Amino acid sequence: MDGTSYILMLVLMFGALYFFMIRPENKKRKAAEAMRNSLAVGDVITTIGGIVGTICAVKENTIVIETGADRVRIEFTKWAVSSKGAEVTDTSK
């Protein structure tokens, strides 16, 4: 009986680990991948480096964004996008 209770305890611990750590991380990863696959021209995004801009071209693995009032264009890989829908504020005044 003692050995069975230890095995049962280990199974329960691995089950809890899965439901509290692994499963939420997989859901978060899938949501980020879906967001990156749904990027379109005109979307406002923020990169993992904190650069905010508007998408002006979407390619297979990269995007081109325009930043700032001087309309600088920068090309990034899609995995560098951290969030979509941030507001661009003009601080050049």
PDB file of N, CA and C in Angstrom:
ATOM      1  N   MET A   1       0.818  -1.204   0.000  1.00  0.00           N
ATOM      2  CA  MET A   1       0.000   0.000   0.000  1.00  0.00           C
ATOM      3  C   MET A   1       0.854   1.256   0.000  1.00  0.00           C
ATOM      4  N   ASP A   2       1.968   1.234   0.712  1.00  0.00           N
ATOM      5  CA  ASP A   2       2.806   2.421   0.816  1.00  0.00           C
ATOM      6  C   ASP A   2       3.365   2.844  -0.547  1.00  0.00           C
ATOM      7  N   GLY A   3       3.822   1.898  -1.339  1.00  0.00           N
ATOM      8  CA  GLY A   3       4.370   2.204  -2.659  1.00  0.00           C
ATOM      9  C   GLY A   3       3.320   2.772  -3.603  1.00  0.00           C
ATOM     10  N   THR A   4       2.102   2.285  -3.485  1.00  0.00           N
ATOM     11  CA  THR A   4       1.011   2.755  -4.330  1.00  0.00           C
ATOM     12  C   THR A   4       0.664   4.206  -4.015  1.00  0.00           C
ATOM     13  N   SER A   5       0.705   4.569  -2.756  1.00  0.00           N
ATOM     14  CA  SER A   5       0.375   5.951  -2.390  1.00  0.00           C
ATOM     15  C   SER A   5       1.440   6.917  -2.892  1.00  0.00           C
ATOM     16  N   TYR A   6       2.710   6.495  -2.912  1.00  0.00           N
ATOM     17  CA  TYR A   6       3.773   7.357  -3.452  1.00  0.00           C
ATOM     18  C   TYR A   6       3.606   7.562  -4.951  1.00  0.00           C
ATOM     19  N   ILE A   7       3.275   6.495  -5.650  1.00  0.00           N
ATOM     20  CA  ILE A   7       3.065   6.604  -7.098  1.00  0.00           C
ATOM     21  C   ILE A   7       1.858   7.488  -7.388  1.00  0.00           C
ATOM     22  N   LEU A   8       0.794   7.318  -6.613  1.00  0.00           N
ATOM     23  CA  LEU A   8      -0.388   8.147  -6.784  1.00  0.00           C
ATOM     24  C   LEU A   8      -0.061   9.619  -6.520  1.00  0.00           C
ATOM     25  N   MET A   9       0.743   9.884  -5.503  1.00  0.00           N
ATOM     26  CA  MET A   9       1.139  11.259  -5.173  1.00  0.00           C
ATOM     27  C   MET A   9       1.956  11.866  -6.313  1.00  0.00           C
ATOM     28  N   LEU A  10       2.872  11.085  -6.911  1.00  0.00           N
ATOM     29  CA  LEU A  10       3.666  11.579  -8.035  1.00  0.00           C
ATOM     30  C   LEU A  10       2.786  11.891  -9.245  1.00  0.00           C
ATOM     31  N   VAL A  11       1.831  11.028  -9.525  1.00  0.00           N
ATOM     32  CA  VAL A  11       0.917  11.253 -10.646  1.00  0.00           C
ATOM     33  C   VAL A  11       0.115  12.526 -10.418  1.00  0.00           C
ATOM     34  N   LEU A  12      -0.364  12.722  -9.202  1.00  0.00           N
ATOM     35  CA  LEU A  12      -1.119  13.930  -8.883  1.00  0.00           C
ATOM     36  C   LEU A  12      -0.243  15.178  -9.003  1.00  0.00           C
ATOM     37  N   MET A  13       1.014  15.101  -8.593  1.00  0.00           N
ATOM     38  CA  MET A  13       1.921  16.248  -8.698  1.00  0.00           C
ATOM     39  C   MET A  13       2.190  16.594 -10.161  1.00  0.00           C
ATOM     40  N   PHE A  14       2.409  15.591 -11.002  1.00  0.00           N
ATOM     41  CA  PHE A  14       2.629  15.850 -12.415  1.00  0.00           C
ATOM     42  C   PHE A  14       1.363  16.392 -13.088  1.00  0.00           C
ATOM     43  N   GLY A  15       0.219  15.911 -12.658  1.00  0.00           N
ATOM     44  CA  GLY A  15      -1.047  16.437 -13.177  1.00  0.00           C
ATOM     45  C   GLY A  15      -1.234  17.902 -12.816  1.00  0.00           C
ATOM     46  N   ALA A  16      -0.933  18.249 -11.570  1.00  0.00           N
ATOM     47  CA  ALA A  16      -1.030  19.647 -11.141  1.00  0.00           C
ATOM     48  C   ALA A  16      -0.025  20.511 -11.887  1.00  0.00           C
ATOM     49  N   LEU A  17       1.183  20.008 -12.086  1.00  0.00           N
ATOM     50  CA  LEU A  17       2.208  20.736 -12.830  1.00  0.00           C
ATOM     51  C   LEU A  17       1.721  21.021 -14.248  1.00  0.00           C
ATOM     52  N   TYR A  18       1.112  20.024 -14.875  1.00  0.00           N
ATOM     53  CA  TYR A  18       0.607  20.205 -16.224  1.00  0.00           C
ATOM     54  C   TYR A  18      -0.480  21.278 -16.271  1.00  0.00           C
ATOM     55  N   PHE A  19      -1.472  21.191 -15.385  1.00  0.00           N
ATOM     56  CA  PHE A  19      -2.604  22.111 -15.444  1.00  0.00           C
ATOM     57  C   PHE A  19      -2.271  23.518 -14.974  1.00  0.00           C
ATOM     58  N   PHE A  20      -1.267  23.688 -14.125  1.00  0.00           N
ATOM     59  CA  PHE A  20      -0.945  25.016 -13.615  1.00  0.00           C
ATOM     60  C   PHE A  20       0.235  25.681 -14.308  1.00  0.00           C
ATOM     61  N   MET A  21       1.063  24.924 -15.031  1.00  0.00           N
ATOM     62  CA  MET A  21       2.232  25.531 -15.666  1.00  0.00           C
ATOM     63  C   MET A  21       2.307  25.269 -17.167  1.00  0.00           C
ATOM     64  N   ILE A  22       2.249  24.058 -17.582  1.00  0.00           N
ATOM     65  CA  ILE A  22       2.481  23.712 -18.984  1.00  0.00           C
ATOM     66  C   ILE A  22       1.301  24.119 -19.862  1.00  0.00           C
ATOM     67  N   ARG A  23       0.099  23.797 -19.467  1.00  0.00           N
ATOM     68  CA  ARG A  23      -1.082  24.088 -20.281  1.00  0.00           C
ATOM     69  C   ARG A  23      -1.284  25.591 -20.492  1.00  0.00           C
ATOM     70  N   PRO A  24      -1.215  26.441 -19.452  1.00  0.00           N
ATOM     71  CA  PRO A  24      -1.372  27.886 -19.690  1.00  0.00           C
ATOM     72  C   PRO A  24      -0.270  28.461 -20.597  1.00  0.00           C
ATOM     73  N   GLU A  25       0.949  27.958 -20.471  1.00  0.00           N
ATOM     74  CA  GLU A  25       2.035  28.434 -21.320  1.00  0.00           C
ATOM     75  C   GLU A  25       1.780  28.067 -22.777  1.00  0.00           C
ATOM     76  N   ASN A  26       1.273  26.875 -23.043  1.00  0.00           N
ATOM     77  CA  ASN A  26       0.949  26.469 -24.414  1.00  0.00           C
ATOM     78  C   ASN A  26      -0.184  27.312 -24.986  1.00  0.00           C
ATOM     79  N   LYS A  27      -1.178  27.629 -24.169  1.00  0.00           N
ATOM     80  CA  LYS A  27      -2.278  28.471 -24.628  1.00  0.00           C
ATOM     81  C   LYS A  27      -1.773  29.868 -24.966  1.00  0.00           C
ATOM     82  N   LYS A  28      -0.889  30.414 -24.135  1.00  0.00           N
ATOM     83  CA  LYS A  28      -0.332  31.736 -24.373  1.00  0.00           C
ATOM     84  C   LYS A  28       0.505  31.749 -25.658  1.00  0.00           C
ATOM     85  N   ARG A  29       1.283  30.694 -25.885  1.00  0.00           N
ATOM     86  CA  ARG A  29       2.121  30.586 -27.080  1.00  0.00           C
ATOM     87  C   ARG A  29       1.258  30.504 -28.335  1.00  0.00           C
ATOM     88  N   LYS A  30       0.175  29.720 -28.280  1.00  0.00           N
ATOM     89  CA  LYS A  30      -0.718  29.593 -29.427  1.00  0.00           C
ATOM     90  C   LYS A  30      -1.436  30.910 -29.722  1.00  0.00           C
ATOM     91  N   ALA A  31      -1.826  31.646 -28.677  1.00  0.00           N
ATOM     92  CA  ALA A  31      -2.487  32.940 -28.876  1.00  0.00           C
ATOM     93  C   ALA A  31      -1.532  33.942 -29.518  1.00  0.00           C
ATOM     94  N   ALA A  32      -0.269  33.946 -29.088  1.00  0.00           N
ATOM     95  CA  ALA A  32       0.725  34.851 -29.679  1.00  0.00           C
ATOM     96  C   ALA A  32       0.981  34.494 -31.139  1.00  0.00           C
ATOM     97  N   GLU A  33       1.041  33.211 -31.445  1.00  0.00           N
ATOM     98  CA  GLU A  33       1.255  32.767 -32.827  1.00  0.00           C
ATOM     99  C   GLU A  33       0.066  33.159 -33.700  1.00  0.00           C
ATOM    100  N   ALA A  34      -1.145  33.019 -33.186  1.00  0.00           N
ATOM    101  CA  ALA A  34      -2.338  33.406 -33.948  1.00  0.00           C
ATOM    102  C   ALA A  34      -2.346  34.915 -34.193  1.00  0.00           C
ATOM    103  N   MET A  35      -1.941  35.707 -33.192  1.00  0.00           N
ATOM    104  CA  MET A  35      -1.880  37.161 -33.351  1.00  0.00           C
ATOM    105  C   MET A  35      -0.863  37.527 -34.426  1.00  0.00           C
ATOM    106  N   ARG A  36       0.295  36.870 -34.421  1.00  0.00           N
ATOM    107  CA  ARG A  36       1.334  37.179 -35.414  1.00  0.00           C
ATOM    108  C   ARG A  36       0.919  36.758 -36.811  1.00  0.00           C
ATOM    109  N   ASN A  37       0.149  35.690 -36.937  1.00  0.00           N
ATOM    110  CA  ASN A  37      -0.324  35.248 -38.248  1.00  0.00           C
ATOM    111  C   ASN A  37      -1.449  36.125 -38.783  1.00  0.00           C
ATOM    112  N   SER A  38      -2.114  36.880 -37.903  1.00  0.00           N
ATOM    113  CA  SER A  38      -3.236  37.714 -38.336  1.00  0.00           C
ATOM    114  C   SER A  38      -2.825  39.167 -38.576  1.00  0.00           C
ATOM    115  N   LEU A  39      -1.537  39.468 -38.564  1.00  0.00           N
ATOM    116  CA  LEU A  39      -1.084  40.841 -38.795  1.00  0.00           C
ATOM    117  C   LEU A  39      -1.451  41.284 -40.204  1.00  0.00           C
ATOM    118  N   ALA A  40      -1.920  42.521 -40.326  1.00  0.00           N
ATOM    119  CA  ALA A  40      -2.320  43.058 -41.625  1.00  0.00           C
ATOM    120  C   ALA A  40      -1.846  44.498 -41.750  1.00  0.00           C
ATOM    121  N   VAL A  41      -1.798  44.975 -42.978  1.00  0.00           N
ATOM    122  CA  VAL A  41      -1.385  46.351 -43.243  1.00  0.00           C
ATOM    123  C   VAL A  41      -2.340  47.306 -42.524  1.00  0.00           C
ATOM    124  N   GLY A  42      -1.780  48.297 -41.848  1.00  0.00           N
ATOM    125  CA  GLY A  42      -2.573  49.275 -41.104  1.00  0.00           C
ATOM    126  C   GLY A  42      -2.663  48.987 -39.621  1.00  0.00           C
ATOM    127  N   ASP A  43      -2.309  47.785 -39.178  1.00  0.00           N
ATOM    128  CA  ASP A  43      -2.333  47.467 -37.748  1.00  0.00           C
ATOM    129  C   ASP A  43      -1.215  48.219 -37.029  1.00  0.00           C
ATOM    130  N   VAL A  44      -1.504  48.664 -35.822  1.00  0.00           N
ATOM    131  CA  VAL A  44      -0.494  49.296 -34.977  1.00  0.00           C
ATOM    132  C   VAL A  44       0.053  48.225 -34.053  1.00  0.00           C
ATOM    133  N   ILE A  45       1.389  48.080 -34.015  1.00  0.00           N
ATOM    134  CA  ILE A  45       2.010  47.014 -33.223  1.00  0.00           C
ATOM    135  C   ILE A  45       3.116  47.585 -32.342  1.00  0.00           C
ATOM    136  N   THR A  46       3.510  46.792 -31.361  1.00  0.00           N
ATOM    137  CA  THR A  46       4.670  47.077 -30.529  1.00  0.00           C
ATOM    138  C   THR A  46       5.605  45.884 -30.630  1.00  0.00           C
ATOM    139  N   THR A  47       6.897  46.149 -30.842  1.00  0.00           N
ATOM    140  CA  THR A  47       7.861  45.063 -30.942  1.00  0.00           C
ATOM    141  C   THR A  47       8.369  44.701 -29.557  1.00  0.00           C
ATOM    142  N   ILE A  48       9.122  43.602 -29.471  1.00  0.00           N
ATOM    143  CA  ILE A  48       9.669  43.197 -28.182  1.00  0.00           C
ATOM    144  C   ILE A  48      10.711  44.188 -27.682  1.00  0.00           C
ATOM    145  N   GLY A  49      11.228  45.021 -28.571  1.00  0.00           N
ATOM    146  CA  GLY A  49      12.183  46.059 -28.182  1.00  0.00           C
ATOM    147  C   GLY A  49      11.517  47.356 -27.787  1.00  0.00           C
ATOM    148  N   GLY A  50      10.183  47.437 -27.895  1.00  0.00           N
ATOM    149  CA  GLY A  50       9.452  48.629 -27.483  1.00  0.00           C
ATOM    150  C   GLY A  50       9.190  49.616 -28.606  1.00  0.00           C
ATOM    151  N   ILE A  51       9.495  49.269 -29.837  1.00  0.00           N
ATOM    152  CA  ILE A  51       9.251  50.158 -30.970  1.00  0.00           C
ATOM    153  C   ILE A  51       7.788  50.030 -31.381  1.00  0.00           C
ATOM    154  N   VAL A  52       7.107  51.172 -31.477  1.00  0.00           N
ATOM    155  CA  VAL A  52       5.700  51.211 -31.850  1.00  0.00           C
ATOM    156  C   VAL A  52       5.598  51.757 -33.260  1.00  0.00           C
ATOM    157  N   GLY A  53       4.799  51.112 -34.094  1.00  0.00           N
ATOM    158  CA  GLY A  53       4.643  51.587 -35.462  1.00  0.00           C
ATOM    159  C   GLY A  53       3.433  50.974 -36.128  1.00  0.00           C
ATOM    160  N   THR A  54       3.173  51.444 -37.356  1.00  0.00           N
ATOM    161  CA  THR A  54       2.059  50.967 -38.157  1.00  0.00           C
ATOM    162  C   THR A  54       2.600  50.089 -39.272  1.00  0.00           C
ATOM    163  N   ILE A  55       1.987  48.933 -39.463  1.00  0.00           N
ATOM    164  CA  ILE A  55       2.441  47.998 -40.489  1.00  0.00           C
ATOM    165  C   ILE A  55       2.117  48.570 -41.866  1.00  0.00           C
ATOM    166  N   CYS A  56       3.132  48.592 -42.752  1.00  0.00           N
ATOM    167  CA  CYS A  56       2.891  49.053 -44.123  1.00  0.00           C
ATOM    168  C   CYS A  56       3.132  47.952 -45.145  1.00  0.00           C
ATOM    169  N   ALA A  57       3.710  46.810 -44.748  1.00  0.00           N
ATOM    170  CA  ALA A  57       3.873  45.665 -45.647  1.00  0.00           C
ATOM    171  C   ALA A  57       3.996  44.397 -44.812  1.00  0.00           C
ATOM    172  N   VAL A  58       3.369  43.321 -45.292  1.00  0.00           N
ATOM    173  CA  VAL A  58       3.442  42.026 -44.620  1.00  0.00           C
ATOM    174  C   VAL A  58       3.988  41.015 -45.613  1.00  0.00           C
ATOM    175  N   LYS A  59       5.070  40.343 -45.224  1.00  0.00           N
ATOM    176  CA  LYS A  59       5.652  39.291 -46.052  1.00  0.00           C
ATOM    177  C   LYS A  59       5.470  37.974 -45.330  1.00  0.00           C
ATOM    178  N   GLU A  60       6.044  36.900 -45.847  1.00  0.00           N
ATOM    179  CA  GLU A  60       5.843  35.580 -45.246  1.00  0.00           C
ATOM    180  C   GLU A  60       6.373  35.511 -43.814  1.00  0.00           C
ATOM    181  N   ASN A  61       7.610  35.925 -43.594  1.00  0.00           N
ATOM    182  CA  ASN A  61       8.219  35.839 -42.259  1.00  0.00           C
ATOM    183  C   ASN A  61       8.556  37.190 -41.661  1.00  0.00           C
ATOM    184  N   THR A  62       8.354  38.273 -42.403  1.00  0.00           N
ATOM    185  CA  THR A  62       8.722  39.604 -41.914  1.00  0.00           C
ATOM    186  C   THR A  62       7.580  40.584 -42.123  1.00  0.00           C
ATOM    187  N   ILE A  63       7.692  41.716 -41.435  1.00  0.00           N
ATOM    188  CA  ILE A  63       6.768  42.836 -41.622  1.00  0.00           C
ATOM    189  C   ILE A  63       7.606  44.101 -41.742  1.00  0.00           C
ATOM    190  N   VAL A  64       7.056  45.119 -42.388  1.00  0.00           N
ATOM    191  CA  VAL A  64       7.696  46.427 -42.484  1.00  0.00           C
ATOM    192  C   VAL A  64       6.776  47.400 -41.778  1.00  0.00           C
ATOM    193  N   ILE A  65       7.334  48.164 -40.833  1.00  0.00           N
ATOM    194  CA  ILE A  65       6.516  49.129 -40.093  1.00  0.00           C
ATOM    195  C   ILE A  65       7.045  50.536 -40.327  1.00  0.00           C
ATOM    196  N   GLU A  66       6.152  51.512 -40.194  1.00  0.00           N
ATOM    197  CA  GLU A  66       6.497  52.929 -40.231  1.00  0.00           C
ATOM    198  C   GLU A  66       6.426  53.454 -38.814  1.00  0.00           C
ATOM    199  N   THR A  67       7.463  54.187 -38.413  1.00  0.00           N
ATOM    200  CA  THR A  67       7.486  54.739 -37.063  1.00  0.00           C
ATOM    201  C   THR A  67       7.698  56.236 -37.117  1.00  0.00           C
ATOM    202  N   GLY A  68       7.173  56.938 -36.148  1.00  0.00           N
ATOM    203  CA  GLY A  68       7.434  58.354 -35.968  1.00  0.00           C
ATOM    204  C   GLY A  68       6.849  59.255 -37.030  1.00  0.00           C
ATOM    205  N   ALA A  69       7.028  60.553 -36.803  1.00  0.00           N
ATOM    206  CA  ALA A  69       6.497  61.570 -37.706  1.00  0.00           C
ATOM    207  C   ALA A  69       7.306  61.638 -38.995  1.00  0.00           C
ATOM    208  N   ASP A  70       8.570  61.193 -38.959  1.00  0.00           N
ATOM    209  CA  ASP A  70       9.403  61.245 -40.160  1.00  0.00           C
ATOM    210  C   ASP A  70       9.223  60.015 -41.044  1.00  0.00           C
ATOM    211  N   ARG A  71       8.317  59.128 -40.678  1.00  0.00           N
ATOM    212  CA  ARG A  71       7.911  57.966 -41.476  1.00  0.00           C
ATOM    213  C   ARG A  71       9.080  57.040 -41.805  1.00  0.00           C
ATOM    214  N   VAL A  72       9.889  56.730 -40.835  1.00  0.00           N
ATOM    215  CA  VAL A  72      10.987  55.784 -41.007  1.00  0.00           C
ATOM    216  C   VAL A  72      10.403  54.385 -41.149  1.00  0.00           C
ATOM    217  N   ARG A  73      10.897  53.626 -42.119  1.00  0.00           N
ATOM    218  CA  ARG A  73      10.418  52.252 -42.321  1.00  0.00           C
ATOM    219  C   ARG A  73      11.487  51.276 -41.850  1.00  0.00           C
ATOM    220  N   ILE A  74      11.055  50.300 -41.052  1.00  0.00           N
ATOM    221  CA  ILE A  74      11.949  49.297 -40.490  1.00  0.00           C
ATOM    222  C   ILE A  74      11.335  47.925 -40.735  1.00  0.00           C
ATOM    223  N   GLU A  75      12.183  46.956 -41.097  1.00  0.00           N
ATOM    224  CA  GLU A  75      11.706  45.591 -41.328  1.00  0.00           C
ATOM    225  C   GLU A  75      12.038  44.725 -40.114  1.00  0.00           C
ATOM    226  N   PHE A  76      11.057  43.974 -39.646  1.00  0.00           N
ATOM    227  CA  PHE A  76      11.213  43.083 -38.496  1.00  0.00           C
ATOM    228  C   PHE A  76      10.719  41.687 -38.870  1.00  0.00           C
ATOM    229  N   THR A  77      11.241  40.680 -38.179  1.00  0.00           N
ATOM    230  CA  THR A  77      10.665  39.353 -38.305  1.00  0.00           C
ATOM    231  C   THR A  77       9.364  39.332 -37.498  1.00  0.00           C
ATOM    232  N   LYS A  78       8.446  38.464 -37.866  1.00  0.00           N
ATOM    233  CA  LYS A  78       7.144  38.428 -37.187  1.00  0.00           C
ATOM    234  C   LYS A  78       7.260  38.034 -35.718  1.00  0.00           C
ATOM    235  N   TRP A  79       8.241  37.203 -35.379  1.00  0.00           N
ATOM    236  CA  TRP A  79       8.354  36.788 -33.977  1.00  0.00           C
ATOM    237  C   TRP A  79       8.752  37.943 -33.073  1.00  0.00           C
ATOM    238  N   ALA A  80       9.205  39.075 -33.636  1.00  0.00           N
ATOM    239  CA  ALA A  80       9.599  40.233 -32.830  1.00  0.00           C
ATOM    240  C   ALA A  80       8.410  41.087 -32.403  1.00  0.00           C
ATOM    241  N   VAL A  81       7.205  40.762 -32.856  1.00  0.00           N
ATOM    242  CA  VAL A  81       6.009  41.522 -32.479  1.00  0.00           C
ATOM    243  C   VAL A  81       5.506  41.010 -31.138  1.00  0.00           C
ATOM    244  N   SER A  82       5.379  41.927 -30.174  1.00  0.00           N
ATOM    245  CA  SER A  82       4.918  41.497 -28.852  1.00  0.00           C
ATOM    246  C   SER A  82       3.440  41.756 -28.635  1.00  0.00           C
ATOM    247  N   SER A  83       2.910  42.836 -29.215  1.00  0.00           N
ATOM    248  CA  SER A  83       1.480  43.103 -29.038  1.00  0.00           C
ATOM    249  C   SER A  83       0.944  43.887 -30.227  1.00  0.00           C
ATOM    250  N   LYS A  84      -0.361  43.813 -30.373  1.00  0.00           N
ATOM    251  CA  LYS A  84      -1.046  44.464 -31.488  1.00  0.00           C
ATOM    252  C   LYS A  84      -2.108  45.371 -30.900  1.00  0.00           C
ATOM    253  N   GLY A  85      -2.235  46.567 -31.467  1.00  0.00           N
ATOM    254  CA  GLY A  85      -3.311  47.450 -31.039  1.00  0.00           C
ATOM    255  C   GLY A  85      -2.880  48.585 -30.131  1.00  0.00           C
ATOM    256  N   ALA A  86      -1.578  48.826 -29.965  1.00  0.00           N
ATOM    257  CA  ALA A  86      -1.119  49.951 -29.158  1.00  0.00           C
ATOM    258  C   ALA A  86      -1.368  51.244 -29.928  1.00  0.00           C
ATOM    259  N   GLU A  87      -1.448  52.353 -29.215  1.00  0.00           N
ATOM    260  CA  GLU A  87      -1.680  53.645 -29.865  1.00  0.00           C
ATOM    261  C   GLU A  87      -0.347  54.324 -30.141  1.00  0.00           C
ATOM    262  N   VAL A  88      -0.270  54.977 -31.300  1.00  0.00           N
ATOM    263  CA  VAL A  88       0.912  55.762 -31.647  1.00  0.00           C
ATOM    264  C   VAL A  88       0.669  57.187 -31.201  1.00  0.00           C
ATOM    265  N   THR A  89       1.566  57.714 -30.376  1.00  0.00           N
ATOM    266  CA  THR A  89       1.420  59.101 -29.913  1.00  0.00           C
ATOM    267  C   THR A  89       2.519  59.936 -30.550  1.00  0.00           C
ATOM    268  N   ASP A  90       2.167  61.107 -31.016  1.00  0.00           N
ATOM    269  CA  ASP A  90       3.118  62.009 -31.668  1.00  0.00           C
ATOM    270  C   ASP A  90       3.731  62.919 -30.616  1.00  0.00           C
ATOM    271  N   THR A  91       5.003  62.732 -30.317  1.00  0.00           N
ATOM    272  CA  THR A  91       5.685  63.539 -29.296  1.00  0.00           C
ATOM    273  C   THR A  91       6.615  64.561 -29.922  1.00  0.00           C
ATOM    274  N   SER A  92       6.459  64.837 -31.216  1.00  0.00           N
ATOM    275  CA  SER A  92       7.359  65.766 -31.895  1.00  0.00           C
ATOM    276  C   SER A  92       6.968  67.212 -31.690  1.00  0.00           C
ATOM    277  N   LYS A  93       5.863  67.481 -31.005  1.00  0.00           N
ATOM    278  CA  LYS A  93       5.399  68.865 -30.807  1.00  0.00           C
ATOM    279  C   LYS A  93       6.126  69.540 -29.690  1.00  0.00           C
TER     280      LYS A  93
END
